[in-house]
Amino acid sequence: MLVSVIIVNYNTFKVTCDCIERVISHTKQVPYEIIVVDNASPKDNPDLFLTRFPSIKLIKSSENGGFAKGNNLGMASAKGDIILLLNSDTLLTEDSISIAAAYLQQHTDIGALTVRLTYPDGKLQHTARKFRSVRNEVLDLMRPLLMLMPYKKRSQLMLNQYFNGDYNTYADWVSGAFMMFQKTTLDKMDGKQLDERFFMYGEDQLWCYQFSQLGYRNFYLADTTVIHIHSASTEPSKQMKLVEKMTQLELDIMEYRKGRSTYYYVFKLIYTAKEMARYYIKVAAMKLFNHKIR
């Protein structure tokens, strides 16, 4: 069993080097290769990766084609039985790759697998999620009542922020920051590659939906933890642009799943109103308590 670790770099030389160093220092129980794809970084000299890490494979893209295209370039050169898409801003603290690969190899029904991700301060990132639906958006508006349910029942019903990441579970979709799958699963996708329709953000949800359409189930593994730096601007104007972008991506994915049906328009009405209201509440809280929005 060989694991191909694909890391896409764009103007993050130091961060990417830190990521590579952690992979090398912690991965002991499984053979692996590291493939770094530089997405035409204008500020980085990608050849320096080979100077520091002569054992890696380096692919220099002629364009910044986005996260999906960069990963596809890397996977085209991958020799592994297992593929790991690893964000450049992740830091291993233990042999997470071996733990995840062993679990994936033992469970052939799994499409994409992720592990427990935390911010550098230890706070959990919610990476095991349900697909959005009219029902779940309505239930989310009834949060006080949901909190009266037993934790296990509530977390299985909703996942997302209702789940503390403290047990292994199947999920509708999982994070692309650490996304592992079998090469044979990739070979069943159209063109034997991942869908490139999104430049950045939303790809993980789209890919997991496509894996599920092939008959696989996606999985969250709580047995190992990886740090995901995932820094974000606290400026309200930038946060607003991100909210707008993520909202549109969710609508695009819903349209992909359901078409421009009555269901889609009902979902759009509820979801956009809820997200805009939530955003302005977060901005008010940030200004009041000088706290980063997450």
Protein backbone atom coordinates (compact mmCIF):
# COMPACT_ATOMS: atom_id res chain seq x y z
CA MET A 1 0.00 0.00 0.00
CA LEU A 2 1.46 3.35 -1.10
CA VAL A 3 -0.12 6.69 -0.13
CA SER A 4 0.26 9.59 -2.55
CA VAL A 5 0.13 12.86 -0.59
CA ILE A 6 -0.89 15.76 -2.87
CA ILE A 7 -0.15 19.29 -1.63
CA VAL A 8 -1.10 22.33 -3.71
CA ASN A 9 1.01 25.45 -3.18
CA TYR A 10 0.15 29.01 -4.11
CA ASN A 11 2.38 31.71 -2.60
CA THR A 12 2.69 29.81 0.68
CA PHE A 13 6.28 28.51 0.51
CA LYS A 14 7.03 28.57 4.25
CA VAL A 15 3.63 27.18 5.24
CA THR A 16 3.92 24.42 2.65
CA CYS A 17 7.44 23.56 3.85
CA ASP A 18 6.14 23.27 7.42
CA CYS A 19 3.42 20.92 6.16
CA ILE A 20 5.92 18.74 4.27
CA GLU A 21 8.27 18.57 7.25
CA ARG A 22 5.44 17.34 9.49
CA VAL A 23 4.43 14.67 6.96
CA ILE A 24 8.01 13.39 6.78
CA SER A 25 8.63 13.47 10.54
CA HIS A 26 5.36 11.76 11.55
CA THR A 27 4.56 9.26 8.80
CA LYS A 28 6.22 5.99 9.84
CA GLN A 29 3.86 3.05 9.36
CA VAL A 30 2.96 3.36 5.68
CA PRO A 31 5.06 4.02 2.55
CA TYR A 32 4.23 7.33 0.90
CA GLU A 33 5.21 9.82 -1.76
CA ILE A 34 4.76 13.58 -1.59
CA ILE A 35 3.70 15.45 -4.70
CA VAL A 36 3.77 19.24 -4.52
CA VAL A 37 1.86 21.12 -7.21
CA ASP A 38 2.79 24.77 -7.54
CA ASN A 39 -0.14 26.68 -9.04
CA ALA A 40 2.04 29.23 -10.88
CA SER A 41 2.85 31.13 -7.69
CA PRO A 42 4.06 34.63 -8.66
CA LYS A 43 5.83 35.13 -5.31
CA ASP A 44 7.44 31.69 -4.86
CA ASN A 45 10.28 29.92 -6.61
CA PRO A 46 8.95 26.35 -6.63
CA ASP A 47 12.38 24.88 -7.38
CA LEU A 48 13.31 25.71 -3.79
CA PHE A 49 11.00 22.88 -2.67
CA LEU A 50 13.35 20.41 -4.36
CA THR A 51 16.34 22.08 -2.72
CA ARG A 52 14.84 21.51 0.72
CA PHE A 53 13.09 18.22 -0.02
CA PRO A 54 14.88 16.41 -2.86
CA SER A 55 12.74 13.27 -2.44
CA ILE A 56 9.43 14.92 -3.35
CA LYS A 57 7.86 15.17 -6.78
CA LEU A 58 7.35 18.75 -7.97
CA ILE A 59 4.85 19.73 -10.61
CA LYS A 60 4.93 23.31 -11.85
CA SER A 61 1.60 24.33 -13.33
CA SER A 62 1.62 26.95 -16.07
CA GLU A 63 -1.49 28.57 -14.55
CA ASN A 64 -3.35 28.93 -11.29
CA GLY A 65 -6.20 26.65 -12.23
CA GLY A 66 -7.60 26.45 -8.71
CA PHE A 67 -7.65 23.81 -6.00
CA ALA A 68 -9.36 21.06 -7.99
CA LYS A 69 -7.23 21.41 -11.10
CA GLY A 70 -4.06 21.56 -9.03
CA ASN A 71 -4.95 18.35 -7.25
CA ASN A 72 -5.82 16.66 -10.53
CA LEU A 73 -2.39 17.58 -11.89
CA GLY A 74 -0.82 15.96 -8.85
CA MET A 75 -2.95 12.84 -9.01
CA ALA A 76 -2.10 12.34 -12.68
CA SER A 77 1.46 11.62 -11.54
CA ALA A 78 0.52 9.67 -8.40
CA LYS A 79 1.64 6.06 -8.00
CA GLY A 80 -0.26 5.34 -4.80
CA ASP A 81 -3.13 2.97 -4.10
CA ILE A 82 -4.47 5.64 -1.75
CA ILE A 83 -4.69 9.37 -2.46
CA LEU A 84 -4.50 12.04 0.25
CA LEU A 85 -5.38 15.62 -0.62
CA LEU A 86 -3.65 17.63 2.08
CA ASN A 87 -3.98 21.40 2.46
CA SER A 88 -0.68 23.23 2.65
CA ASP A 89 -1.78 24.88 5.92
CA THR A 90 -2.15 21.62 7.83
CA LEU A 91 0.27 20.32 10.49
CA LEU A 92 0.48 16.69 11.51
CA THR A 93 1.10 16.02 15.21
CA GLU A 94 1.10 12.21 14.97
CA ASP A 95 1.06 9.50 12.31
CA SER A 96 -2.39 10.48 11.06
CA ILE A 97 -1.72 9.35 7.50
CA SER A 98 -0.98 5.77 8.53
CA ILE A 99 -3.96 5.66 10.91
CA ALA A 100 -6.34 6.99 8.26
CA ALA A 101 -4.94 4.77 5.48
CA ALA A 102 -5.28 1.64 7.61
CA TYR A 103 -8.91 2.45 8.39
CA LEU A 104 -9.73 3.27 4.78
CA GLN A 105 -8.15 0.05 3.53
CA GLN A 106 -10.28 -1.98 5.96
CA HIS A 107 -13.57 -0.33 4.95
CA THR A 108 -14.19 -0.60 1.22
CA ASP A 109 -17.57 1.16 1.41
CA ILE A 110 -15.89 4.50 2.23
CA GLY A 111 -15.54 7.09 -0.52
CA ALA A 112 -13.80 10.07 1.09
CA LEU A 113 -12.38 10.00 4.61
CA THR A 114 -11.28 12.89 6.79
CA VAL A 115 -9.90 13.08 10.31
CA ARG A 116 -10.46 15.32 13.29
CA LEU A 117 -9.25 18.84 12.43
CA THR A 118 -8.60 21.60 14.93
CA TYR A 119 -7.45 25.21 14.85
CA PRO A 120 -3.97 25.86 16.34
CA ASP A 121 -5.66 26.81 19.63
CA GLY A 122 -7.25 23.36 19.83
CA LYS A 123 -10.75 24.44 18.93
CA LEU A 124 -12.59 21.88 16.79
CA GLN A 125 -13.29 22.54 13.12
CA HIS A 126 -16.63 21.11 12.02
CA THR A 127 -15.61 18.83 9.17
CA ALA A 128 -18.29 16.10 9.31
CA ARG A 129 -21.42 17.46 7.70
CA LYS A 130 -24.85 16.73 6.32
CA PHE A 131 -25.92 17.94 2.91
CA ARG A 132 -28.09 21.01 3.23
CA SER A 133 -31.82 20.50 2.93
CA VAL A 134 -35.04 22.40 3.59
CA ARG A 135 -35.68 20.19 6.61
CA ASN A 136 -32.25 20.79 8.14
CA GLU A 137 -32.41 24.54 7.55
CA VAL A 138 -35.75 24.66 9.37
CA LEU A 139 -34.41 22.47 12.18
CA ASP A 140 -31.39 24.75 12.50
CA LEU A 141 -33.75 27.66 13.12
CA MET A 142 -35.18 25.63 16.02
CA ARG A 143 -31.79 25.26 17.70
CA PRO A 144 -33.04 25.73 21.30
CA LEU A 145 -35.39 22.77 20.86
CA LEU A 146 -32.69 20.65 19.23
CA MET A 147 -30.43 21.25 22.21
CA LEU A 148 -33.01 19.50 24.39
CA MET A 149 -32.42 16.25 22.51
CA PRO A 150 -29.84 13.71 23.75
CA TYR A 151 -26.42 14.58 22.33
CA LYS A 152 -25.92 11.40 20.28
CA LYS A 153 -29.35 11.67 18.66
CA ARG A 154 -28.95 15.39 17.96
CA SER A 155 -25.45 15.02 16.55
CA GLN A 156 -26.43 12.15 14.26
CA LEU A 157 -29.48 14.04 13.04
CA MET A 158 -27.61 17.24 12.21
CA LEU A 159 -23.81 16.75 12.44
CA ASN A 160 -22.14 20.12 11.57
CA GLN A 161 -21.95 22.37 14.64
CA TYR A 162 -24.14 19.97 16.64
CA PHE A 163 -21.40 17.33 16.55
CA ASN A 164 -18.39 17.59 18.87
CA GLY A 165 -16.18 15.45 16.66
CA ASP A 166 -15.75 12.91 19.45
CA TYR A 167 -16.66 9.65 17.70
CA ASN A 168 -16.27 7.99 14.31
CA THR A 169 -19.25 8.42 12.01
CA TYR A 170 -20.45 8.38 8.44
CA ALA A 171 -21.23 11.83 7.07
CA ASP A 172 -22.74 13.20 3.87
CA TRP A 173 -19.55 15.16 3.19
CA VAL A 174 -16.21 15.78 4.81
CA SER A 175 -13.42 18.34 4.65
CA GLY A 176 -11.09 18.64 1.68
CA ALA A 177 -8.29 19.93 3.94
CA PHE A 178 -7.49 16.28 4.70
CA MET A 179 -9.36 14.10 2.23
CA MET A 180 -8.28 10.52 1.63
CA PHE A 181 -9.72 8.02 -0.84
CA GLN A 182 -8.78 4.94 -2.81
CA LYS A 183 -7.30 5.38 -6.27
CA THR A 184 -9.89 2.87 -7.53
CA THR A 185 -12.63 5.23 -6.31
CA LEU A 186 -11.11 8.12 -8.26
CA ASP A 187 -10.98 5.91 -11.37
CA LYS A 188 -14.80 5.66 -11.28
CA MET A 189 -15.23 9.44 -11.52
CA ASP A 190 -15.84 11.11 -14.89
CA GLY A 191 -12.52 11.33 -16.69
CA LYS A 192 -10.90 9.49 -13.75
CA GLN A 193 -10.39 12.81 -12.03
CA LEU A 194 -12.14 15.19 -9.65
CA ASP A 195 -14.73 17.69 -10.87
CA GLU A 196 -13.07 21.05 -11.57
CA ARG A 197 -16.16 23.27 -11.89
CA PHE A 198 -15.34 25.19 -8.68
CA PHE A 199 -12.12 27.20 -8.58
CA MET A 200 -11.91 27.34 -4.79
CA TYR A 201 -14.29 26.35 -1.96
CA GLY A 202 -17.19 23.93 -2.25
CA GLU A 203 -15.18 21.25 -4.06
CA ASP A 204 -15.15 18.88 -1.09
CA GLN A 205 -18.94 18.89 -0.80
CA LEU A 206 -19.34 18.41 -4.55
CA TRP A 207 -16.85 15.53 -4.67
CA CYS A 208 -18.43 13.79 -1.68
CA TYR A 209 -21.84 14.03 -3.33
CA GLN A 210 -20.39 12.52 -6.48
CA PHE A 211 -18.75 9.72 -4.44
CA SER A 212 -22.13 9.01 -2.84
CA GLN A 213 -23.73 8.82 -6.28
CA LEU A 214 -21.23 6.04 -7.04
CA GLY A 215 -22.50 4.12 -4.01
CA TYR A 216 -19.85 5.08 -1.47
CA ARG A 217 -20.30 6.57 2.00
CA ASN A 218 -18.09 9.34 3.33
CA PHE A 219 -16.51 9.07 6.74
CA TYR A 220 -15.20 11.10 9.67
CA LEU A 221 -12.41 9.46 11.68
CA ALA A 222 -12.06 10.83 15.20
CA ASP A 223 -9.14 8.53 16.06
CA THR A 224 -6.46 11.03 15.02
CA THR A 225 -6.14 14.82 14.95
CA VAL A 226 -4.52 17.22 12.48
CA ILE A 227 -4.06 20.97 12.98
CA HIS A 228 -5.57 23.10 10.21
CA ILE A 229 -4.43 26.71 10.46
CA HIS A 230 -7.24 28.02 8.23
CA SER A 231 -6.61 31.69 8.95
CA ALA A 232 -9.30 34.16 7.94
CA SER A 233 -9.68 37.90 7.84
CA THR A 234 -11.70 39.53 10.60
CA GLU A 235 -12.56 42.55 8.47
CA PRO A 236 -16.35 42.71 8.04
CA SER A 237 -16.09 43.68 4.35
CA LYS A 238 -13.95 40.62 3.56
CA GLN A 239 -16.14 38.41 5.72
CA MET A 240 -19.19 39.64 3.82
CA LYS A 241 -17.60 38.74 0.48
CA LEU A 242 -16.76 35.28 1.80
CA VAL A 243 -20.31 34.77 3.11
CA GLU A 244 -21.72 35.81 -0.26
CA LYS A 245 -19.35 33.47 -2.09
CA MET A 246 -20.09 30.50 0.17
CA THR A 247 -23.82 31.15 -0.01
CA GLN A 248 -23.70 31.11 -3.81
CA LEU A 249 -21.65 27.92 -3.80
CA GLU A 250 -24.22 26.23 -1.57
CA LEU A 251 -26.95 27.29 -3.98
CA ASP A 252 -24.91 26.01 -6.93
CA ILE A 253 -24.49 22.64 -5.24
CA MET A 254 -28.19 22.47 -4.37
CA GLU A 255 -29.02 23.25 -8.00
CA TYR A 256 -26.63 20.48 -9.07
CA ARG A 257 -28.38 18.04 -6.72
CA LYS A 258 -32.01 19.08 -7.17
CA GLY A 259 -32.17 21.17 -10.34
CA ARG A 260 -34.12 24.45 -10.55
CA SER A 261 -37.11 22.86 -8.88
CA THR A 262 -39.66 24.19 -6.39
CA TYR A 263 -37.54 22.52 -3.72
CA TYR A 264 -34.52 24.55 -4.84
CA TYR A 265 -36.36 27.87 -4.59
CA VAL A 266 -37.85 27.08 -1.17
CA PHE A 267 -34.37 26.14 0.05
CA LYS A 268 -32.87 29.31 -1.45
CA LEU A 269 -35.38 31.53 0.34
CA ILE A 270 -34.86 29.93 3.76
CA TYR A 271 -31.12 29.45 3.49
CA THR A 272 -30.15 32.91 2.22
CA ALA A 273 -32.34 34.69 4.77
CA LYS A 274 -30.88 32.59 7.59
CA GLU A 275 -27.26 33.06 6.53
CA MET A 276 -27.55 36.82 6.09
CA ALA A 277 -29.18 37.18 9.49
CA ARG A 278 -26.50 34.99 11.07
CA TYR A 279 -23.74 37.00 9.44
CA TYR A 280 -24.96 40.34 10.78
CA ILE A 281 -25.39 38.86 14.26
CA LYS A 282 -21.77 37.61 14.10
CA VAL A 283 -20.50 41.00 12.96
CA ALA A 284 -22.30 42.69 15.84
CA ALA A 285 -20.80 40.17 18.27
CA MET A 286 -17.34 40.65 16.79
CA LYS A 287 -17.53 44.41 17.22
CA LEU A 288 -18.87 44.05 20.74
CA PHE A 289 -16.37 41.45 21.96
CA ASN A 290 -13.50 42.00 19.47
CA HIS A 291 -13.69 38.31 18.54
CA LYS A 292 -12.78 36.61 15.26
CA ILE A 293 -15.70 35.29 13.22
CA ARG A 294 -15.58 31.56 12.52
